[in-house]
Protein backbone atom coordinates (compact mmCIF):
# COMPACT_ATOMS: atom_id res chain seq x y z
CA MET A 1 218.92 -75.63 59.79
CA THR A 2 218.41 -72.18 61.30
CA VAL A 3 215.89 -69.40 60.79
CA ASP A 4 216.72 -65.74 60.40
CA PRO A 5 216.01 -64.03 63.73
CA VAL A 6 213.65 -61.51 62.11
CA ILE A 7 211.54 -64.29 60.61
CA ALA A 8 211.57 -66.26 63.88
CA THR A 9 210.56 -63.22 65.92
CA THR A 10 207.88 -62.26 63.40
CA LEU A 11 206.37 -65.75 63.56
CA ARG A 12 206.45 -65.83 67.37
CA VAL A 13 204.79 -62.43 67.69
CA LEU A 14 202.16 -63.16 65.02
CA LEU A 15 201.30 -66.49 66.65
CA ALA A 16 201.09 -64.76 70.04
CA LEU A 17 198.71 -62.18 68.54
CA LEU A 18 196.64 -64.94 66.93
CA PHE A 19 196.20 -66.81 70.21
CA ALA A 20 195.60 -63.58 72.14
CA SER A 21 192.90 -62.60 69.65
CA ALA A 22 191.34 -66.07 69.83
CA ALA A 23 191.30 -65.92 73.63
CA TRP A 24 189.91 -62.39 73.59
CA HIS A 25 186.96 -63.24 71.37
CA LYS A 26 186.17 -66.31 73.49
CA LEU A 27 186.49 -64.30 76.71
CA SER A 28 184.26 -61.55 75.33
CA ASP A 29 181.43 -64.06 74.80
CA LEU A 30 182.22 -67.05 76.98
CA THR A 31 178.67 -68.38 76.82
CA ALA A 32 178.75 -68.41 73.01
CA PHE A 33 182.05 -70.29 73.03
CA ARG A 34 180.71 -72.83 75.52
CA ILE A 35 177.72 -73.38 73.19
CA VAL A 36 180.07 -73.86 70.22
CA LEU A 37 182.06 -76.48 72.17
CA HIS A 38 178.81 -78.19 73.14
CA ASP A 39 177.57 -78.16 69.54
CA TYR A 40 180.71 -79.90 68.29
CA ASP A 41 179.46 -82.93 70.23
CA VAL A 42 182.92 -84.41 70.79
CA LEU A 43 182.94 -84.08 74.59
CA PRO A 44 180.56 -85.43 77.20
CA PRO A 45 178.25 -82.59 78.29
CA ALA A 46 179.75 -82.60 81.80
CA LEU A 47 183.18 -81.71 80.34
CA VAL A 48 182.08 -78.82 78.12
CA THR A 49 182.28 -76.12 80.82
CA PRO A 50 185.68 -77.25 82.18
CA ALA A 51 186.96 -77.60 78.59
CA THR A 52 185.80 -74.06 77.85
CA ALA A 53 187.90 -72.75 80.73
CA ALA A 54 190.86 -74.98 79.83
CA VAL A 55 190.90 -73.88 76.18
CA LEU A 56 190.71 -70.22 77.18
CA ALA A 57 193.47 -70.56 79.78
CA THR A 58 195.66 -72.48 77.33
CA GLU A 59 195.23 -69.88 74.57
CA ILE A 60 196.13 -67.10 77.01
CA ALA A 61 199.21 -69.00 78.22
CA VAL A 62 200.35 -69.64 74.63
CA ALA A 63 199.84 -65.97 73.73
CA VAL A 64 201.89 -64.81 76.72
CA ALA A 65 204.69 -67.36 76.19
CA PHE A 66 205.16 -67.22 72.41
CA PRO A 67 207.01 -63.91 71.98
CA TRP A 68 209.88 -64.86 74.28
CA PRO A 69 212.63 -67.11 72.90
CA GLU A 70 212.96 -68.94 76.23
CA SER A 71 209.30 -69.95 76.47
CA ALA A 72 208.46 -70.10 72.74
CA PRO A 73 209.30 -73.82 72.32
CA MET A 74 206.83 -74.77 75.05
CA ALA A 75 204.24 -72.43 73.54
CA ALA A 76 204.83 -73.94 70.09
CA TRP A 77 204.28 -77.52 71.28
CA ILE A 78 201.14 -76.60 73.22
CA ALA A 79 199.82 -74.56 70.28
CA MET A 80 200.42 -77.45 67.87
CA MET A 81 198.51 -79.82 70.17
CA LEU A 82 195.67 -77.32 70.53
CA LEU A 83 195.47 -76.74 66.77
CA ALA A 84 195.54 -80.50 66.18
CA ALA A 85 192.70 -80.99 68.68
CA TYR A 86 190.70 -78.26 66.92
CA GLY A 87 191.42 -80.00 63.61
CA VAL A 88 190.21 -83.37 64.89
CA ALA A 89 186.98 -81.81 66.21
CA ILE A 90 186.40 -80.05 62.89
CA ALA A 91 187.18 -83.20 60.87
CA VAL A 92 184.83 -85.33 62.99
CA ASN A 93 182.00 -82.91 62.36
CA LEU A 94 182.76 -82.61 58.65
CA VAL A 95 182.60 -86.42 58.39
CA ARG A 96 179.27 -86.27 60.22
CA GLY A 97 178.05 -83.82 57.55
CA ARG A 98 177.69 -80.96 60.03
CA ARG A 99 179.01 -78.18 57.80
CA THR A 100 176.76 -75.42 59.09
CA LEU A 101 178.15 -75.45 62.63
CA GLU A 102 180.03 -72.35 63.67
CA CYS A 103 183.75 -73.04 63.95
CA GLY A 104 184.18 -70.90 67.08
CA CYS A 105 187.40 -69.42 65.75
CA ALA A 106 186.20 -65.89 65.06
CA PRO A 107 184.10 -63.29 66.85
CA SER A 108 180.37 -63.96 66.64
CA ALA A 109 179.92 -61.12 64.15
CA TYR A 110 182.12 -63.08 61.68
CA ARG A 111 180.77 -66.59 62.05
CA GLN A 112 182.43 -69.20 59.90
CA PRO A 113 180.90 -72.59 59.16
CA LEU A 114 183.06 -75.71 59.31
CA SER A 115 184.96 -76.45 56.12
CA GLU A 116 188.04 -78.18 54.77
CA TRP A 117 189.61 -74.72 54.55
CA LEU A 118 189.75 -74.62 58.36
CA LEU A 119 191.68 -77.90 58.37
CA LEU A 120 194.16 -76.50 55.86
CA ARG A 121 194.47 -73.28 57.85
CA ASN A 122 195.20 -75.23 61.04
CA ALA A 123 197.80 -77.35 59.23
CA ILE A 124 199.54 -74.17 58.02
CA LEU A 125 199.45 -72.77 61.56
CA VAL A 126 200.96 -76.01 62.91
CA GLY A 127 203.72 -75.60 60.32
CA ALA A 128 204.32 -72.01 61.45
CA CYS A 129 204.53 -73.20 65.06
CA ALA A 130 207.00 -75.90 64.02
CA LEU A 131 209.21 -73.30 62.33
CA THR A 132 209.52 -71.48 65.64
CA LEU A 133 211.18 -74.60 67.07
CA LEU A 134 214.16 -74.16 64.73
CA PRO A 135 217.11 -72.29 66.21
CA ASP A 136 217.62 -68.65 65.25
CA ALA A 137 220.62 -67.88 63.06
CA ALA A 138 223.33 -66.21 65.08
CA ARG A 139 223.65 -62.71 63.69
CA PRO A 140 223.32 -59.24 65.17
CA TRP A 141 220.17 -57.23 64.61
CA ALA A 142 220.50 -54.17 62.38
CA GLY A 143 218.27 -51.09 62.30
CA VAL A 144 216.54 -52.30 59.14
CA ASP A 145 215.66 -55.55 60.95
CA TRP A 146 213.47 -53.61 63.38
CA LEU A 147 211.68 -51.90 60.50
CA THR A 148 211.22 -55.22 58.75
CA LEU A 149 209.89 -56.79 61.93
CA THR A 150 207.39 -53.97 62.49
CA GLY A 151 206.20 -54.04 58.88
CA ALA A 152 205.93 -57.84 58.76
CA ILE A 153 203.95 -58.01 61.98
CA SER A 154 201.61 -55.23 60.84
CA ALA A 155 201.09 -56.79 57.42
CA GLY A 156 200.61 -60.27 58.86
CA ALA A 157 198.07 -59.14 61.45
CA MET A 158 196.08 -57.12 58.91
CA THR A 159 196.16 -59.95 56.38
CA TRP A 160 194.90 -62.45 58.97
CA ALA A 161 192.09 -60.14 60.12
CA SER A 162 191.05 -59.31 56.56
CA ALA A 163 191.11 -62.95 55.44
CA GLY A 164 188.89 -63.97 58.36
CA ARG A 165 186.34 -61.32 57.57
CA LEU A 166 186.37 -62.06 53.85
CA LEU A 167 185.91 -65.78 54.47
CA ALA A 168 182.98 -65.08 56.77
CA LEU A 169 181.38 -62.89 54.11
CA ALA A 170 182.06 -65.41 51.32
CA ASN A 171 180.05 -68.21 52.92
CA PRO A 172 176.61 -68.34 51.31
CA GLU A 173 175.05 -70.08 54.30
CA PRO A 174 175.74 -68.48 57.67
CA ALA A 175 177.12 -70.65 60.42
CA ARG A 176 174.77 -71.38 63.26
CA ARG A 177 174.77 -72.55 66.79
CA GLY A 178 172.64 -75.41 67.94
CA PRO A 179 172.10 -79.03 66.93
CA ALA A 180 172.40 -80.00 63.27
CA ARG A 181 169.14 -80.67 61.47
């Protein structure tokens, strides 16, 4: 099975933008992200600060590697492991009944509490990463392909940003940082 090169490139670029955006929002408020990791209570406190740096470095590496066909498979595998780890941490806290914790996946202005939706979103993202592992169909690029690529990336990025903001606004109880009560 192969994937059309326009679809494969669109997915790689959108995933790179997603991880770059995630890294940027964490980097812009590193203390807040460290608090979010601490609040998840899945790591010993001594590992929270190193994990903060490791997650940030990994997201940056994935963002840089994803657009390029040569490094995309490595980026896809690492991204799938990272998304799975996020999913496990979210699921553990949902089982604990800690639904008001901030997920840490959006800028602080758009806090999102933990929910099953985040697990579904991560599963879809893992699927998108897996699609990038399929070989591209061998066909030359045409002029319309470049227009399609540009439009698809623009639409995908705007849809992702809008959905995140709408989800943050739709939550009746704002997410919070700090221990669950």
